[in-house]
Amino acid sequence: MHILIINSGSSSIKFQVIEMPSKEVICKGLLERIGLENTELHYQSKDGSHSKVEFLADHEHGLKAITNILMDAEIGVLKHSDEIDVVAHRVVHGGSRFDKPTKIDKSVLAEIERLASLAPLHNPANAKGIKVTEKIFKNASQVAIFDTAFHQTIPEKAYRYAIPKEIADDHHIRLYGFHGTSHKYVSEQAIDYLKKKSNKIISVHLGNGCSMTAIKNGQSIDHSLGFGPSNGLIMGTRSGDIDQSVVFYLMDKLGLSSEKVNNLLQKQSGLLGLTGFADLRDIQKGAEEGNKDCQLALLMTSYRIKKYIGSYVAALNGLDALLFTAGIGENSSLLRAMVCEDMQALGIQIDENKNTIRTNSILEIHKEDSKVKILVIPTNEELEIAKQTYSMMKD
């Protein structure tokens, strides 16, 4: 079974063609900085690697560029679109309806679009990806894997908000949680690596979107994102946690509409609002060059992560392993060091030399006497999506 995985983030699209059940990766690629002048397309197959830079205005143009390279006469891996049996899509928000892999039909697509107001940076791109690939891969099944599914195990004391019960229940207002595919994959990798039956893990997913999950014995018990993927940690363009009084002030005192406030907090805030840059690589470079805004942004970002680690250690009543994953978590040794600095009271001690090592496998970056293992684990949402899709399709 040949599965094309489409993983649309807020400013990127990762893709892979995987043959199952062998798990052989036929090709893979990444399209990043969508909407910016220097949109980068990276593509790798058995015949080599290719990269190019061009302006791609949105996810629709990005998906068309991806399908073009997959079927390119010289470097592509497909001669015909019918060689793909299933197109599997990472979908961010599944609400309370979807808790497992789901075949996409008109009603499922409509629900994904209906939930777009709760994940405005993601669900519209996910829906667009489904529509575009339906036209190109006409004979392939379309499957959705929902980020929210892994967090269905979060207990009511953690997922319920302290608002009138009738409103919450009637309108399904609760913490849903996101990046579940990534958190599930890296936590399972960690459990196998630790070789312990009982595990207390904190998974830190840091990319353009960021989140943290408290995981006990393989199950999510708390998570930093909530009703929508906008609270919690400071992100590329999202503010993360903010006092709701600020929202009312922006509306009542500055006269901003709810739509404008939502756009401000989702697309103009976070690292972008603090520095003018949404990409952490630009911010780290600015900080090195003495930009005080960039230096402050790094301090704020690491401090917020520290606070969540502390709260989740309390929720778990201990900690066996702290995991860093995703684009920033895997690649920014600076941010990992800042997060783990002065955390000895929680048993967290980072080894500065190990932290600078680059590898594609699980990396230990803690000191020998650290009570908590600190692991950098490359996420592989695409493989996790392929595994779940194949399991569903063969049943």
Protein backbone atom coordinates (compact mmCIF):
# COMPACT_ATOMS: atom_id res chain seq x y z
CA MET A 1 0.00 0.00 0.00
CA HIS A 2 1.46 3.35 -1.07
CA ILE A 3 0.41 6.18 1.23
CA LEU A 4 1.00 9.87 0.55
CA ILE A 5 1.11 11.76 3.83
CA ILE A 6 0.26 15.46 3.79
CA ASN A 7 1.17 17.25 7.03
CA SER A 8 0.14 20.91 6.77
CA GLY A 9 1.38 23.23 9.50
CA SER A 10 0.59 26.92 9.87
CA SER A 11 3.49 27.95 7.59
CA SER A 12 4.79 24.65 6.24
CA ILE A 13 3.86 21.38 4.54
CA LYS A 14 5.74 18.17 5.24
CA PHE A 15 5.10 15.24 2.92
CA GLN A 16 6.19 11.66 2.45
CA VAL A 17 5.32 8.70 0.28
CA ILE A 18 5.57 5.58 2.43
CA GLU A 19 5.10 1.96 1.40
CA MET A 20 3.29 -0.05 4.06
CA PRO A 21 3.64 -2.37 5.86
CA SER A 22 7.40 -2.24 5.14
CA LYS A 23 7.55 1.43 6.31
CA GLU A 24 9.87 2.17 3.40
CA VAL A 25 10.07 5.90 2.67
CA ILE A 26 9.89 6.31 -1.12
CA CYS A 27 10.45 10.05 -0.88
CA LYS A 28 10.01 12.89 1.55
CA GLY A 29 10.08 16.63 1.57
CA LEU A 30 9.40 19.88 3.34
CA LEU A 31 7.94 23.12 2.12
CA GLU A 32 8.61 25.91 4.64
CA ARG A 33 8.11 29.67 4.97
CA ILE A 34 4.89 29.56 2.95
CA GLY A 35 3.68 33.06 2.16
CA LEU A 36 7.15 34.59 2.38
CA GLU A 37 9.35 35.59 -0.54
CA ASN A 38 11.88 32.87 0.23
CA THR A 39 9.58 29.83 0.37
CA GLU A 40 11.86 26.78 0.41
CA LEU A 41 11.02 23.36 -1.07
CA HIS A 42 13.28 20.51 0.02
CA TYR A 43 12.80 17.11 -1.62
CA GLN A 44 14.63 13.82 -1.14
CA SER A 45 14.32 10.45 -2.87
CA LYS A 46 16.63 7.50 -3.50
CA ASP A 47 18.07 9.40 -6.45
CA GLY A 48 19.23 12.33 -4.33
CA SER A 49 18.20 15.62 -2.75
CA HIS A 50 16.84 18.72 -4.43
CA SER A 51 16.00 22.18 -3.12
CA LYS A 52 14.64 25.34 -4.63
CA VAL A 53 13.42 28.72 -3.46
CA GLU A 54 10.40 30.46 -4.92
CA PHE A 55 7.42 32.50 -3.77
CA LEU A 56 4.40 30.36 -2.93
CA ALA A 57 1.58 32.52 -1.64
CA ASP A 58 -0.45 29.91 0.23
CA HIS A 59 -0.96 26.23 0.98
CA GLU A 60 -2.86 25.59 -2.26
CA HIS A 61 0.10 26.76 -4.35
CA GLY A 62 2.38 24.76 -2.07
CA LEU A 63 0.44 21.53 -2.58
CA LYS A 64 0.49 21.98 -6.33
CA ALA A 65 4.28 22.47 -6.21
CA ILE A 66 4.59 19.27 -4.18
CA THR A 67 2.49 17.18 -6.55
CA ASN A 68 4.44 18.58 -9.51
CA ILE A 69 7.75 17.40 -8.03
CA LEU A 70 6.30 13.99 -7.10
CA MET A 71 5.41 13.42 -10.75
CA ASP A 72 8.39 15.21 -12.28
CA ALA A 73 9.77 13.24 -15.24
CA GLU A 74 13.36 13.43 -13.99
CA ILE A 75 13.29 13.44 -10.18
CA GLY A 76 9.74 12.35 -9.34
CA VAL A 77 8.73 8.97 -7.90
CA LEU A 78 5.30 8.68 -9.51
CA LYS A 79 4.52 8.03 -13.15
CA HIS A 80 0.79 8.26 -12.55
CA SER A 81 -1.40 9.52 -9.74
CA ASP A 82 -3.07 6.09 -9.47
CA GLU A 83 0.11 4.73 -7.89
CA ILE A 84 -1.05 6.33 -4.62
CA ASP A 85 -3.56 4.13 -2.78
CA VAL A 86 -4.30 6.47 0.12
CA VAL A 87 -3.74 10.14 0.84
CA ALA A 88 -3.53 10.59 4.60
CA HIS A 89 -3.93 14.10 6.00
CA ARG A 90 -2.90 15.43 9.36
CA VAL A 91 -5.91 17.46 10.52
CA VAL A 92 -5.43 19.70 13.54
CA HIS A 93 -8.92 20.05 15.05
CA GLY A 94 -11.33 17.14 15.19
CA GLY A 95 -13.57 18.49 17.95
CA SER A 96 -15.34 15.89 20.07
CA ARG A 97 -16.54 13.85 17.07
CA PHE A 98 -13.27 12.39 15.78
CA ASP A 99 -11.11 10.29 18.09
CA LYS A 100 -9.57 7.88 15.56
CA PRO A 101 -8.43 7.71 11.90
CA THR A 102 -11.41 8.54 9.69
CA LYS A 103 -12.18 8.10 5.99
CA ILE A 104 -13.02 11.47 4.50
CA ASP A 105 -16.40 12.02 2.87
CA LYS A 106 -18.45 15.18 2.34
CA SER A 107 -19.76 15.24 5.92
CA VAL A 108 -16.28 14.77 7.42
CA LEU A 109 -14.86 17.53 5.22
CA ALA A 110 -17.74 19.81 6.19
CA GLU A 111 -17.02 19.21 9.88
CA ILE A 112 -13.31 19.96 9.38
CA GLU A 113 -14.28 23.24 7.74
CA ARG A 114 -16.83 24.01 10.47
CA LEU A 115 -14.09 23.67 13.08
CA ALA A 116 -11.87 26.14 11.19
CA SER A 117 -12.82 28.98 13.55
CA LEU A 118 -11.13 27.02 16.37
CA ALA A 119 -7.95 26.36 14.36
CA PRO A 120 -7.82 29.23 11.83
CA LEU A 121 -4.16 28.72 10.93
CA HIS A 122 -4.56 24.98 10.31
CA ASN A 123 -8.01 23.55 9.52
CA PRO A 124 -8.51 25.77 6.44
CA ALA A 125 -5.12 24.57 5.12
CA ASN A 126 -6.03 20.97 6.00
CA ALA A 127 -9.36 21.27 4.17
CA LYS A 128 -7.66 22.86 1.17
CA GLY A 129 -5.15 20.00 1.10
CA ILE A 130 -7.99 17.48 1.01
CA LYS A 131 -9.76 19.28 -1.84
CA VAL A 132 -6.60 19.69 -3.92
CA THR A 133 -5.44 16.08 -3.52
CA GLU A 134 -8.94 14.75 -4.24
CA LYS A 135 -8.68 16.34 -7.67
CA ILE A 136 -5.17 15.02 -8.36
CA PHE A 137 -5.36 11.53 -6.80
CA LYS A 138 -8.90 10.72 -7.93
CA ASN A 139 -8.79 6.99 -7.22
CA ALA A 140 -7.07 7.19 -3.84
CA SER A 141 -8.89 6.96 -0.53
CA GLN A 142 -8.65 10.12 1.59
CA VAL A 143 -8.06 9.64 5.33
CA ALA A 144 -7.84 12.14 8.19
CA ILE A 145 -5.66 11.65 11.26
CA PHE A 146 -6.67 14.15 13.95
CA ASP A 147 -4.23 15.93 16.28
CA THR A 148 -6.89 16.02 18.97
CA ALA A 149 -7.36 12.22 19.14
CA PHE A 150 -4.35 11.47 21.41
CA HIS A 151 -5.68 13.84 24.06
CA GLN A 152 -9.04 12.11 24.53
CA THR A 153 -7.56 10.51 27.69
CA ILE A 154 -7.16 13.86 29.47
CA PRO A 155 -9.36 13.69 32.62
CA GLU A 156 -12.29 16.03 33.14
CA LYS A 157 -10.55 17.91 35.95
CA ALA A 158 -7.97 19.00 33.37
CA TYR A 159 -10.07 19.48 30.23
CA ARG A 160 -13.09 21.34 31.69
CA TYR A 161 -13.14 25.15 31.89
CA ALA A 162 -14.66 26.97 34.87
CA ILE A 163 -17.53 28.51 32.90
CA PRO A 164 -21.27 27.74 33.29
CA LYS A 165 -21.67 23.99 32.81
CA GLU A 166 -24.67 24.29 30.48
CA ILE A 167 -22.79 26.54 28.06
CA ALA A 168 -19.73 24.32 28.09
CA ASP A 169 -21.75 21.15 27.51
CA ASP A 170 -24.16 22.55 24.92
CA HIS A 171 -21.38 24.06 22.82
CA HIS A 172 -18.67 21.45 23.47
CA ILE A 173 -16.32 24.02 24.99
CA ARG A 174 -13.38 22.19 26.56
CA LEU A 175 -9.66 21.59 26.23
CA TYR A 176 -9.07 19.44 23.15
CA GLY A 177 -5.28 19.49 22.77
CA PHE A 178 -3.18 19.42 19.61
CA HIS A 179 0.05 18.11 18.06
CA GLY A 180 -1.24 14.76 19.28
CA THR A 181 0.31 12.76 16.45
CA SER A 182 3.75 14.13 17.32
CA HIS A 183 3.36 13.74 21.09
CA LYS A 184 2.10 10.18 20.65
CA TYR A 185 5.00 9.21 18.40
CA VAL A 186 7.84 10.65 20.49
CA SER A 187 6.38 9.43 23.79
CA GLU A 188 6.15 5.88 22.42
CA GLN A 189 9.75 6.18 21.21
CA ALA A 190 10.77 7.33 24.70
CA ILE A 191 8.89 4.53 26.44
CA ASP A 192 10.65 1.94 24.29
CA TYR A 193 13.97 3.66 24.95
CA LEU A 194 13.49 3.94 28.72
CA LYS A 195 12.38 0.29 29.02
CA LYS A 196 10.14 1.05 32.00
CA LYS A 197 6.60 -0.20 32.51
CA SER A 198 5.58 3.00 34.30
CA ASN A 199 6.62 6.33 32.86
CA LYS A 200 6.15 9.99 33.68
CA ILE A 201 7.05 12.07 30.63
CA ILE A 202 6.81 15.69 29.53
CA SER A 203 6.88 16.11 25.76
CA VAL A 204 7.88 19.56 24.46
CA HIS A 205 6.92 20.11 20.80
CA LEU A 206 8.52 23.32 19.54
CA GLY A 207 7.95 24.53 16.01
CA ASN A 208 6.10 27.48 14.52
CA GLY A 209 3.33 26.12 16.71
CA CYS A 210 4.33 24.95 20.18
CA SER A 211 2.79 22.73 22.82
CA MET A 212 3.59 20.55 25.82
CA THR A 213 1.96 17.36 27.06
CA ALA A 214 2.10 15.59 30.40
CA ILE A 215 2.08 11.84 29.65
CA LYS A 216 1.60 9.13 32.26
CA ASN A 217 2.03 5.50 31.25
CA GLY A 218 1.58 6.37 27.59
CA GLN A 219 -1.57 8.46 28.03
CA SER A 220 -1.99 12.21 27.74
CA ILE A 221 -3.20 13.64 31.08
CA ASP A 222 -2.72 17.38 30.42
CA HIS A 223 -1.74 19.66 27.58
CA SER A 224 -0.83 23.31 27.05
CA LEU A 225 -3.11 24.05 24.07
CA GLY A 226 -6.84 24.09 24.66
CA PHE A 227 -10.14 24.80 22.89
CA GLY A 228 -8.11 26.07 19.94
CA PRO A 229 -4.37 25.88 19.22
CA SER A 230 -3.54 29.38 20.43
CA ASN A 231 -2.88 29.39 24.17
CA GLY A 232 -0.04 27.98 26.26
CA LEU A 233 3.49 28.61 24.99
CA ILE A 234 4.71 31.58 22.96
CA MET A 235 4.66 30.62 19.27
CA GLY A 236 5.72 31.98 15.91
CA THR A 237 2.74 34.30 15.45
CA ARG A 238 0.46 33.24 18.33
CA SER A 239 0.53 34.93 21.72
CA GLY A 240 0.06 31.85 23.88
CA ASP A 241 -1.42 32.42 27.35
CA ILE A 242 -2.86 35.90 27.82
CA ASP A 243 -5.15 37.52 30.40
CA GLN A 244 -8.67 37.64 28.93
CA SER A 245 -8.91 41.20 30.23
CA VAL A 246 -6.49 42.17 27.46
CA VAL A 247 -9.00 40.89 24.89
CA PHE A 248 -11.81 43.00 26.37
CA TYR A 249 -9.50 46.03 26.57
CA LEU A 250 -8.58 45.70 22.90
CA MET A 251 -12.26 45.52 21.98
CA ASP A 252 -13.73 48.09 24.39
CA LYS A 253 -10.94 50.68 24.59
CA LEU A 254 -9.33 50.39 21.16
CA GLY A 255 -12.54 49.56 19.30
CA LEU A 256 -11.19 46.43 17.64
CA SER A 257 -13.72 43.86 16.42
CA SER A 258 -13.53 40.28 17.67
CA GLU A 259 -12.25 39.30 14.22
CA LYS A 260 -9.43 41.84 14.40
CA VAL A 261 -8.49 40.80 17.94
CA ASN A 262 -8.46 37.15 16.88
CA ASN A 263 -6.25 37.99 13.90
CA LEU A 264 -3.94 40.04 16.14
CA LEU A 265 -3.48 37.24 18.66
CA GLN A 266 -3.21 34.46 16.07
CA LYS A 267 -1.21 36.03 13.25
CA GLN A 268 0.51 39.18 14.55
CA SER A 269 1.65 38.20 18.04
CA GLY A 270 4.06 35.66 19.55
CA LEU A 271 7.66 35.92 18.34
CA LEU A 272 6.55 38.03 15.37
CA GLY A 273 4.90 40.61 17.61
CA LEU A 274 7.87 40.72 19.98
CA THR A 275 10.63 40.96 17.37
CA GLY A 276 9.30 41.35 13.83
CA PHE A 277 10.50 37.81 13.08
CA ALA A 278 8.35 34.66 13.20
CA ASP A 279 11.21 32.23 12.60
CA LEU A 280 13.35 31.35 15.63
CA ARG A 281 16.44 31.07 13.44
CA ASP A 282 16.16 34.76 12.59
CA ILE A 283 15.59 35.60 16.26
CA GLN A 284 18.63 33.64 17.44
CA LYS A 285 20.74 35.43 14.82
CA GLY A 286 19.37 38.78 15.95
CA ALA A 287 20.05 37.94 19.60
CA GLU A 288 23.67 37.06 18.77
CA GLU A 289 24.02 40.41 17.03
CA GLY A 290 22.78 42.27 20.11
CA ASN A 291 19.10 42.82 19.23
CA LYS A 292 17.49 43.33 22.65
CA ASP A 293 13.99 42.47 21.41
CA CYS A 294 15.26 39.11 20.17
CA GLN A 295 17.13 38.49 23.41
CA LEU A 296 13.98 39.21 25.42
CA ALA A 297 11.87 36.97 23.17
CA LEU A 298 14.20 34.04 23.86
CA LEU A 299 14.03 34.70 27.60
CA MET A 300 10.22 34.91 27.53
CA THR A 301 9.89 31.77 25.43
CA SER A 302 12.14 29.67 27.65
CA TYR A 303 10.57 31.05 30.83
CA ARG A 304 7.07 30.08 29.68
CA ILE A 305 8.27 26.53 28.93
CA LYS A 306 9.88 26.33 32.39
CA LYS A 307 6.59 27.26 34.05
CA TYR A 308 4.74 24.49 32.24
CA ILE A 309 7.42 21.96 33.14
CA GLY A 310 6.96 22.85 36.80
CA SER A 311 3.18 22.50 36.66
CA TYR A 312 3.36 19.18 34.83
CA VAL A 313 5.90 17.74 37.27
CA ALA A 314 3.29 18.52 39.92
CA ALA A 315 0.49 16.93 37.87
CA LEU A 316 2.59 13.80 37.25
CA ASN A 317 3.98 13.73 40.82
CA GLY A 318 7.48 13.30 39.41
CA LEU A 319 9.29 13.08 36.11
CA ASP A 320 11.29 10.36 34.36
CA ALA A 321 12.03 12.09 31.07
CA LEU A 322 11.82 15.49 29.41
CA LEU A 323 11.51 15.25 25.62
CA PHE A 324 12.34 17.94 23.04
CA THR A 325 10.99 17.49 19.53
CA ALA A 326 9.88 19.22 16.28
CA GLY A 327 11.83 21.78 14.25
CA ILE A 328 12.93 24.07 17.08
CA GLY A 329 13.02 21.41 19.79
CA GLU A 330 15.30 19.20 17.71
CA ASN A 331 17.57 21.90 16.32
CA SER A 332 17.88 24.77 18.79
CA SER A 333 20.52 23.78 21.32
CA LEU A 334 20.34 27.36 22.61
CA LEU A 335 16.66 27.22 23.55
CA ARG A 336 17.03 23.74 25.09
CA ALA A 337 19.89 25.05 27.25
CA MET A 338 17.88 28.10 28.31
CA VAL A 339 14.88 25.94 29.25
CA CYS A 340 16.97 23.52 31.33
CA GLU A 341 19.10 26.17 33.04
CA ASP A 342 18.62 26.40 36.85
CA MET A 343 16.21 23.44 36.98
CA GLN A 344 18.23 21.32 39.43
CA ALA A 345 15.43 21.50 42.01
CA LEU A 346 13.31 19.40 39.63
CA GLY A 347 16.14 16.96 38.93
CA ILE A 348 16.83 18.42 35.48
CA GLN A 349 20.52 18.91 34.62
CA ILE A 350 21.62 19.44 31.04
CA ASP A 351 25.09 18.54 29.71
CA GLU A 352 26.31 21.48 27.62
CA ASN A 353 28.60 19.35 25.46
CA LYS A 354 26.03 16.63 24.71
CA ASN A 355 23.48 19.35 23.92
CA THR A 356 25.53 20.52 20.92
CA ILE A 357 25.62 17.07 19.24
CA ARG A 358 23.50 16.69 16.09
CA THR A 359 21.99 13.31 15.24
CA ASN A 360 18.95 11.82 13.54
CA SER A 361 18.33 9.36 16.37
CA ILE A 362 17.42 9.68 20.05
CA LEU A 363 19.99 11.83 21.83
CA GLU A 364 20.61 12.00 25.58
CA ILE A 365 21.65 15.51 26.63
CA HIS A 366 21.50 15.20 30.45
CA LYS A 367 24.37 14.96 32.90
CA GLU A 368 25.25 11.55 34.31
CA ASP A 369 23.84 12.47 37.75
CA SER A 370 20.66 14.09 36.42
CA LYS A 371 17.61 12.48 38.01
CA VAL A 372 15.57 13.27 34.90
CA LYS A 373 16.60 12.06 31.45
CA ILE A 374 16.58 14.82 28.85
CA LEU A 375 16.03 13.39 25.38
CA VAL A 376 15.99 14.97 21.94
CA ILE A 377 13.72 12.75 19.82
CA PRO A 378 13.13 13.51 16.14
CA THR A 379 9.41 13.46 15.57
CA ASN A 380 8.02 11.49 12.66
CA GLU A 381 4.39 12.44 12.39
CA GLU A 382 4.33 11.10 8.84
CA LEU A 383 5.30 7.58 9.91
CA GLU A 384 2.79 7.70 12.76
CA ILE A 385 0.10 8.81 10.31
CA ALA A 386 1.07 5.99 7.91
CA LYS A 387 0.91 3.39 10.70
CA GLN A 388 -2.53 4.53 11.85
CA THR A 389 -3.80 4.78 8.27
CA TYR A 390 -2.56 1.32 7.29
CA SER A 391 -4.03 -0.22 10.44
CA MET A 392 -7.42 1.29 9.64
CA MET A 393 -7.40 0.41 5.93
CA LYS A 394 -6.47 -3.25 6.39
CA ASP A 395 -9.14 -3.89 9.04
